[in-house]
Amino acid sequence: MSSVEKFDRLADDWSEREYADPEQYAARRAKIVAELGPRLPARARILDLACGDGILAPPLIGMKLEYRGVDASAVMIEEARRRHPGVEFELGSLDEYEPDEPVDCTICLRAFYYAGDRAAFFARIRRFTRTKLVFDVRPQVYDVRAIESELRVAGFTQVELRPFLLPQTRRLPAPARSLAFALERSGPLARVVLRRYGSFFCAAS
């Protein structure tokens, strides 16, 4: 089964099954997208590659950013359009899609590893992205230094990493959330935790 066929089958109730607290999780990630690396001004154009059911559209639009979602699964795109009427969604693959005009920020969350050629993927995004590329990467699985090197070869001169420790599949009470957010800012301690759990958000500009 291809990855597209997999996501076709999982499109219904995707966010509700993937995230313990979909709205909070999306809002937290959207805030990092806007603030990590160069800050995005109002009306900046966001391209969300591998957007799934468009879970990031509401918080990003709520920040007065212009949003377009792209996914390789036609079924997922239909689900995104159903959930978010009036928002722009398109069918397109990570290995081929290019927008009709440049965007200010490209995001690719939980998905950059689906690209067939990672270096070529970064280089293509650099051509149509004016300000920054934001994606997340698990250091337990991927060589972050190698990824940073590929980004610089692609033409991104600045790479900023930020720990992200909010659980995806477990809802935290407020005190535990505050602790997780504080731990994200703890520097060396956060990097120790990241050896076994969590991810980095990466902003390449």
C-alpha atoms as a PDB file:
ATOM      1  CA  MET A   1       0.000   0.000   0.000  1.00  0.00           C
ATOM      2  CA  SER A   2       1.399   3.422  -0.967  1.00  0.00           C
ATOM      3  CA  SER A   3       1.501   6.302   1.506  1.00  0.00           C
ATOM      4  CA  VAL A   4      -1.221   8.084  -0.507  1.00  0.00           C
ATOM      5  CA  GLU A   5      -3.507   5.043  -0.307  1.00  0.00           C
ATOM      6  CA  LYS A   6      -2.818   4.863   3.423  1.00  0.00           C
ATOM      7  CA  PHE A   7      -3.918   8.459   3.973  1.00  0.00           C
ATOM      8  CA  ASP A   8      -6.922   8.037   1.677  1.00  0.00           C
ATOM      9  CA  ARG A   9      -8.163   5.340   4.051  1.00  0.00           C
ATOM     10  CA  LEU A  10      -7.434   7.399   7.181  1.00  0.00           C
ATOM     11  CA  ALA A  11      -8.886  10.763   6.097  1.00  0.00           C
ATOM     12  CA  ASP A  12     -12.155  10.514   8.036  1.00  0.00           C
ATOM     13  CA  ASP A  13     -11.687  11.884  11.577  1.00  0.00           C
ATOM     14  CA  TRP A  14      -7.925  12.096  10.985  1.00  0.00           C
ATOM     15  CA  SER A  15      -7.200  14.829  13.534  1.00  0.00           C
ATOM     16  CA  GLU A  16      -9.479  13.352  16.171  1.00  0.00           C
ATOM     17  CA  ARG A  17      -7.635  10.027  15.952  1.00  0.00           C
ATOM     18  CA  GLU A  18      -4.117  11.459  15.640  1.00  0.00           C
ATOM     19  CA  TYR A  19      -4.216  14.102  18.385  1.00  0.00           C
ATOM     20  CA  ALA A  20      -5.462  13.934  21.958  1.00  0.00           C
ATOM     21  CA  ASP A  21      -6.265  17.658  21.862  1.00  0.00           C
ATOM     22  CA  PRO A  22      -6.371  18.698  18.173  1.00  0.00           C
ATOM     23  CA  GLU A  23      -7.137  22.395  18.639  1.00  0.00           C
ATOM     24  CA  GLN A  24      -4.518  22.994  21.308  1.00  0.00           C
ATOM     25  CA  TYR A  25      -1.879  20.981  19.452  1.00  0.00           C
ATOM     26  CA  ALA A  26      -2.543  22.876  16.218  1.00  0.00           C
ATOM     27  CA  ALA A  27      -2.542  26.256  17.959  1.00  0.00           C
ATOM     28  CA  ARG A  28       0.798  25.528  19.617  1.00  0.00           C
ATOM     29  CA  ARG A  29       2.403  24.466  16.346  1.00  0.00           C
ATOM     30  CA  ALA A  30       0.947  27.433  14.461  1.00  0.00           C
ATOM     31  CA  LYS A  31       2.430  29.833  17.013  1.00  0.00           C
ATOM     32  CA  ILE A  32       5.869  28.312  16.499  1.00  0.00           C
ATOM     33  CA  VAL A  33       5.477  28.491  12.710  1.00  0.00           C
ATOM     34  CA  ALA A  34       4.783  32.226  12.953  1.00  0.00           C
ATOM     35  CA  GLU A  35       7.480  33.054  15.510  1.00  0.00           C
ATOM     36  CA  LEU A  36      10.454  30.732  14.908  1.00  0.00           C
ATOM     37  CA  GLY A  37      13.076  32.311  12.653  1.00  0.00           C
ATOM     38  CA  PRO A  38      12.001  35.539  10.925  1.00  0.00           C
ATOM     39  CA  ARG A  39       8.587  36.545  12.279  1.00  0.00           C
ATOM     40  CA  LEU A  40       5.760  36.557   9.773  1.00  0.00           C
ATOM     41  CA  PRO A  41       3.817  39.798   9.363  1.00  0.00           C
ATOM     42  CA  ALA A  42       0.060  39.954   8.856  1.00  0.00           C
ATOM     43  CA  ARG A  43      -1.074  38.728   5.427  1.00  0.00           C
ATOM     44  CA  ALA A  44       2.098  36.697   4.879  1.00  0.00           C
ATOM     45  CA  ARG A  45       1.365  33.824   2.485  1.00  0.00           C
ATOM     46  CA  ILE A  46       1.659  30.333   4.013  1.00  0.00           C
ATOM     47  CA  LEU A  47       1.946  27.143   1.949  1.00  0.00           C
ATOM     48  CA  ASP A  48       1.199  24.003   3.998  1.00  0.00           C
ATOM     49  CA  LEU A  49       2.662  20.965   2.225  1.00  0.00           C
ATOM     50  CA  ALA A  50       1.185  17.610   3.279  1.00  0.00           C
ATOM     51  CA  CYS A  51      -1.575  19.559   5.011  1.00  0.00           C
ATOM     52  CA  GLY A  52      -3.745  16.538   5.818  1.00  0.00           C
ATOM     53  CA  ASP A  53      -7.229  17.654   6.814  1.00  0.00           C
ATOM     54  CA  GLY A  54      -6.094  21.269   7.174  1.00  0.00           C
ATOM     55  CA  ILE A  55      -5.834  21.292  10.965  1.00  0.00           C
ATOM     56  CA  LEU A  56      -3.388  24.231  10.893  1.00  0.00           C
ATOM     57  CA  ALA A  57      -5.627  26.435   8.752  1.00  0.00           C
ATOM     58  CA  PRO A  58      -7.809  27.901  11.567  1.00  0.00           C
ATOM     59  CA  PRO A  59      -4.989  29.017  13.913  1.00  0.00           C
ATOM     60  CA  LEU A  60      -2.850  30.413  11.091  1.00  0.00           C
ATOM     61  CA  ILE A  61      -5.770  32.272   9.518  1.00  0.00           C
ATOM     62  CA  GLY A  62      -6.622  33.492  13.017  1.00  0.00           C
ATOM     63  CA  MET A  63      -3.181  35.161  13.057  1.00  0.00           C
ATOM     64  CA  LYS A  64      -4.204  37.064   9.891  1.00  0.00           C
ATOM     65  CA  LEU A  65      -1.952  34.941   7.679  1.00  0.00           C
ATOM     66  CA  GLU A  66      -3.000  33.807   4.197  1.00  0.00           C
ATOM     67  CA  TYR A  67      -3.159  30.026   3.995  1.00  0.00           C
ATOM     68  CA  ARG A  68      -3.073  27.414   1.221  1.00  0.00           C
ATOM     69  CA  GLY A  69      -2.960  23.681   1.893  1.00  0.00           C
ATOM     70  CA  VAL A  70      -1.593  20.979  -0.424  1.00  0.00           C
ATOM     71  CA  ASP A  71      -1.767  17.209  -0.017  1.00  0.00           C
ATOM     72  CA  ALA A  72      -1.132  14.187  -2.229  1.00  0.00           C
ATOM     73  CA  SER A  73      -4.301  12.446  -1.026  1.00  0.00           C
ATOM     74  CA  ALA A  74      -7.411  13.520  -2.916  1.00  0.00           C
ATOM     75  CA  VAL A  75      -9.573  12.075  -0.138  1.00  0.00           C
ATOM     76  CA  MET A  76      -7.692  14.102   2.484  1.00  0.00           C
ATOM     77  CA  ILE A  77      -8.111  17.260   0.388  1.00  0.00           C
ATOM     78  CA  GLU A  78     -11.853  16.669   0.218  1.00  0.00           C
ATOM     79  CA  GLU A  79     -11.917  16.225   3.987  1.00  0.00           C
ATOM     80  CA  ALA A  80      -9.977  19.484   4.415  1.00  0.00           C
ATOM     81  CA  ARG A  81     -12.423  21.342   2.172  1.00  0.00           C
ATOM     82  CA  ARG A  82     -15.363  19.914   4.107  1.00  0.00           C
ATOM     83  CA  ARG A  83     -13.896  20.980   7.437  1.00  0.00           C
ATOM     84  CA  HIS A  84     -12.758  24.432   6.309  1.00  0.00           C
ATOM     85  CA  PRO A  85     -15.141  25.904   3.710  1.00  0.00           C
ATOM     86  CA  GLY A  86     -13.700  28.810   1.784  1.00  0.00           C
ATOM     87  CA  VAL A  87     -10.056  27.894   2.496  1.00  0.00           C
ATOM     88  CA  GLU A  88      -7.835  27.078  -0.481  1.00  0.00           C
ATOM     89  CA  PHE A  89      -6.713  23.449  -0.768  1.00  0.00           C
ATOM     90  CA  GLU A  90      -4.980  21.777  -3.730  1.00  0.00           C
ATOM     91  CA  LEU A  91      -3.896  18.301  -4.754  1.00  0.00           C
ATOM     92  CA  GLY A  92      -0.134  17.957  -5.115  1.00  0.00           C
ATOM     93  CA  SER A  93       2.838  15.778  -4.149  1.00  0.00           C
ATOM     94  CA  LEU A  94       5.905  16.704  -2.100  1.00  0.00           C
ATOM     95  CA  ASP A  95       8.170  15.734  -4.989  1.00  0.00           C
ATOM     96  CA  GLU A  96       6.495  17.851  -7.660  1.00  0.00           C
ATOM     97  CA  TYR A  97       4.265  20.615  -6.326  1.00  0.00           C
ATOM     98  CA  GLU A  98       5.203  24.270  -6.908  1.00  0.00           C
ATOM     99  CA  PRO A  99       2.842  27.200  -6.303  1.00  0.00           C
ATOM    100  CA  ASP A 100       1.911  29.538  -9.132  1.00  0.00           C
ATOM    101  CA  GLU A 101       3.690  32.398  -7.336  1.00  0.00           C
ATOM    102  CA  PRO A 102       6.194  32.659  -4.452  1.00  0.00           C
ATOM    103  CA  VAL A 103       5.056  32.289  -0.855  1.00  0.00           C
ATOM    104  CA  ASP A 104       6.456  33.854   2.298  1.00  0.00           C
ATOM    105  CA  CYS A 105       6.584  30.643   4.333  1.00  0.00           C
ATOM    106  CA  THR A 106       6.398  26.957   3.442  1.00  0.00           C
ATOM    107  CA  ILE A 107       5.560  24.501   6.204  1.00  0.00           C
ATOM    108  CA  CYS A 108       5.799  20.714   6.129  1.00  0.00           C
ATOM    109  CA  LEU A 109       4.907  19.097   9.440  1.00  0.00           C
ATOM    110  CA  ARG A 110       5.245  15.383  10.143  1.00  0.00           C
ATOM    111  CA  ALA A 111       5.963  14.822   6.457  1.00  0.00           C
ATOM    112  CA  PHE A 112       9.292  16.018   5.025  1.00  0.00           C
ATOM    113  CA  TYR A 113      10.576  12.423   5.155  1.00  0.00           C
ATOM    114  CA  TYR A 114       8.036  11.390   2.493  1.00  0.00           C
ATOM    115  CA  ALA A 115      10.018  13.307  -0.146  1.00  0.00           C
ATOM    116  CA  GLY A 116      11.805  10.953  -2.516  1.00  0.00           C
ATOM    117  CA  ASP A 117      14.959  13.110  -2.609  1.00  0.00           C
ATOM    118  CA  ARG A 118      15.310  15.260   0.500  1.00  0.00           C
ATOM    119  CA  ALA A 119      18.062  17.529  -0.841  1.00  0.00           C
ATOM    120  CA  ALA A 120      16.106  18.183  -4.059  1.00  0.00           C
ATOM    121  CA  PHE A 121      12.974  18.843  -1.976  1.00  0.00           C
ATOM    122  CA  PHE A 122      14.741  21.518   0.073  1.00  0.00           C
ATOM    123  CA  ALA A 123      16.244  23.112  -3.054  1.00  0.00           C
ATOM    124  CA  ARG A 124      12.864  23.297  -4.800  1.00  0.00           C
ATOM    125  CA  ILE A 125      11.211  24.866  -1.758  1.00  0.00           C
ATOM    126  CA  ARG A 126      13.991  27.443  -1.565  1.00  0.00           C
ATOM    127  CA  ARG A 127      13.179  28.589  -5.103  1.00  0.00           C
ATOM    128  CA  PHE A 128       9.599  29.620  -4.291  1.00  0.00           C
ATOM    129  CA  THR A 129       9.871  30.504  -0.574  1.00  0.00           C
ATOM    130  CA  ARG A 130      10.755  34.113   0.200  1.00  0.00           C
ATOM    131  CA  THR A 131      11.205  34.063   3.981  1.00  0.00           C
ATOM    132  CA  LYS A 132      11.421  30.632   5.600  1.00  0.00           C
ATOM    133  CA  LEU A 133      10.726  26.909   5.540  1.00  0.00           C
ATOM    134  CA  VAL A 134       9.413  25.431   8.804  1.00  0.00           C
ATOM    135  CA  PHE A 135       9.238  21.699   9.500  1.00  0.00           C
ATOM    136  CA  ASP A 136       9.604  19.308  12.421  1.00  0.00           C
ATOM    137  CA  VAL A 137      12.155  16.535  12.819  1.00  0.00           C
ATOM    138  CA  ARG A 138      12.657  13.814  15.429  1.00  0.00           C
ATOM    139  CA  PRO A 139      16.344  13.697  16.412  1.00  0.00           C
ATOM    140  CA  GLN A 140      15.872  10.121  17.657  1.00  0.00           C
ATOM    141  CA  VAL A 141      15.299   9.094  14.032  1.00  0.00           C
ATOM    142  CA  TYR A 142      17.059  11.623  11.769  1.00  0.00           C
ATOM    143  CA  ASP A 143      20.551  13.108  11.700  1.00  0.00           C
ATOM    144  CA  VAL A 144      19.769  16.767  12.379  1.00  0.00           C
ATOM    145  CA  ARG A 145      23.285  17.939  11.484  1.00  0.00           C
ATOM    146  CA  ALA A 146      23.022  16.273   8.073  1.00  0.00           C
ATOM    147  CA  ILE A 147      19.659  17.975   7.513  1.00  0.00           C
ATOM    148  CA  GLU A 148      21.124  21.357   8.479  1.00  0.00           C
ATOM    149  CA  SER A 149      23.918  20.794   5.948  1.00  0.00           C
ATOM    150  CA  GLU A 150      21.411  19.925   3.201  1.00  0.00           C
ATOM    151  CA  LEU A 151      19.424  23.071   3.964  1.00  0.00           C
ATOM    152  CA  ARG A 152      22.507  25.253   3.598  1.00  0.00           C
ATOM    153  CA  VAL A 153      23.450  23.577   0.320  1.00  0.00           C
ATOM    154  CA  ALA A 154      19.896  24.328  -0.862  1.00  0.00           C
ATOM    155  CA  GLY A 155      20.474  28.045  -0.205  1.00  0.00           C
ATOM    156  CA  PHE A 156      19.089  28.565   3.294  1.00  0.00           C
ATOM    157  CA  THR A 157      21.739  30.542   5.202  1.00  0.00           C
ATOM    158  CA  GLN A 158      20.119  30.523   8.653  1.00  0.00           C
ATOM    159  CA  VAL A 159      18.821  27.437  10.448  1.00  0.00           C
ATOM    160  CA  GLU A 160      17.128  27.774  13.852  1.00  0.00           C
ATOM    161  CA  LEU A 161      16.016  24.816  15.977  1.00  0.00           C
ATOM    162  CA  ARG A 162      13.459  24.828  18.789  1.00  0.00           C
ATOM    163  CA  PRO A 163      12.514  21.868  21.019  1.00  0.00           C
ATOM    164  CA  PHE A 164       8.857  20.801  20.939  1.00  0.00           C
ATOM    165  CA  LEU A 165       7.719  18.549  23.781  1.00  0.00           C
ATOM    166  CA  LEU A 166       3.910  18.804  23.797  1.00  0.00           C
ATOM    167  CA  PRO A 167       2.564  15.232  23.526  1.00  0.00           C
ATOM    168  CA  GLN A 168       0.604  14.383  20.398  1.00  0.00           C
ATOM    169  CA  THR A 169      -1.518  11.557  21.762  1.00  0.00           C
ATOM    170  CA  ARG A 170      -1.925  12.558  25.409  1.00  0.00           C
ATOM    171  CA  ARG A 171      -3.865  15.530  26.795  1.00  0.00           C
ATOM    172  CA  LEU A 172      -1.895  17.294  29.529  1.00  0.00           C
ATOM    173  CA  PRO A 173      -3.460  19.184  32.434  1.00  0.00           C
ATOM    174  CA  ALA A 174      -2.503  22.861  32.637  1.00  0.00           C
ATOM    175  CA  PRO A 175       0.342  22.442  35.185  1.00  0.00           C
ATOM    176  CA  ALA A 176       1.957  19.687  33.100  1.00  0.00           C
ATOM    177  CA  ARG A 177       1.638  21.784  29.918  1.00  0.00           C
ATOM    178  CA  SER A 178       3.380  24.682  31.652  1.00  0.00           C
ATOM    179  CA  LEU A 179       6.164  22.326  32.727  1.00  0.00           C
ATOM    180  CA  ALA A 180       6.571  21.001  29.172  1.00  0.00           C
ATOM    181  CA  PHE A 181       6.738  24.536  27.772  1.00  0.00           C
ATOM    182  CA  ALA A 182       9.333  25.523  30.386  1.00  0.00           C
ATOM    183  CA  LEU A 183      11.369  22.427  29.600  1.00  0.00           C
ATOM    184  CA  GLU A 184      11.360  23.369  25.908  1.00  0.00           C
ATOM    185  CA  ARG A 185      13.227  26.563  26.883  1.00  0.00           C
ATOM    186  CA  SER A 186      15.701  24.857  29.223  1.00  0.00           C
ATOM    187  CA  GLY A 187      18.529  24.576  26.714  1.00  0.00           C
ATOM    188  CA  PRO A 188      20.851  21.624  27.481  1.00  0.00           C
ATOM    189  CA  LEU A 189      18.215  19.819  29.551  1.00  0.00           C
ATOM    190  CA  ALA A 190      15.736  19.945  26.656  1.00  0.00           C
ATOM    191  CA  ARG A 191      18.350  18.443  24.347  1.00  0.00           C
ATOM    192  CA  VAL A 192      18.900  15.596  26.801  1.00  0.00           C
ATOM    193  CA  VAL A 193      15.142  14.876  26.765  1.00  0.00           C
ATOM    194  CA  LEU A 194      15.145  15.031  22.956  1.00  0.00           C
ATOM    195  CA  ARG A 195      17.500  12.074  22.788  1.00  0.00           C
ATOM    196  CA  ARG A 196      14.516   9.894  23.678  1.00  0.00           C
ATOM    197  CA  TYR A 197      11.350  11.969  23.212  1.00  0.00           C
ATOM    198  CA  GLY A 198       9.959  14.946  21.312  1.00  0.00           C
ATOM    199  CA  SER A 199      11.029  16.786  18.197  1.00  0.00           C
ATOM    200  CA  PHE A 200      12.770  19.885  16.937  1.00  0.00           C
ATOM    201  CA  PHE A 201      10.954  22.544  14.987  1.00  0.00           C
ATOM    202  CA  CYS A 202      13.342  23.836  12.323  1.00  0.00           C
ATOM    203  CA  ALA A 203      13.094  27.242  10.637  1.00  0.00           C
ATOM    204  CA  ALA A 204      15.379  27.609   7.604  1.00  0.00           C
ATOM    205  CA  SER A 205      15.632  31.084   6.120  1.00  0.00           C
END
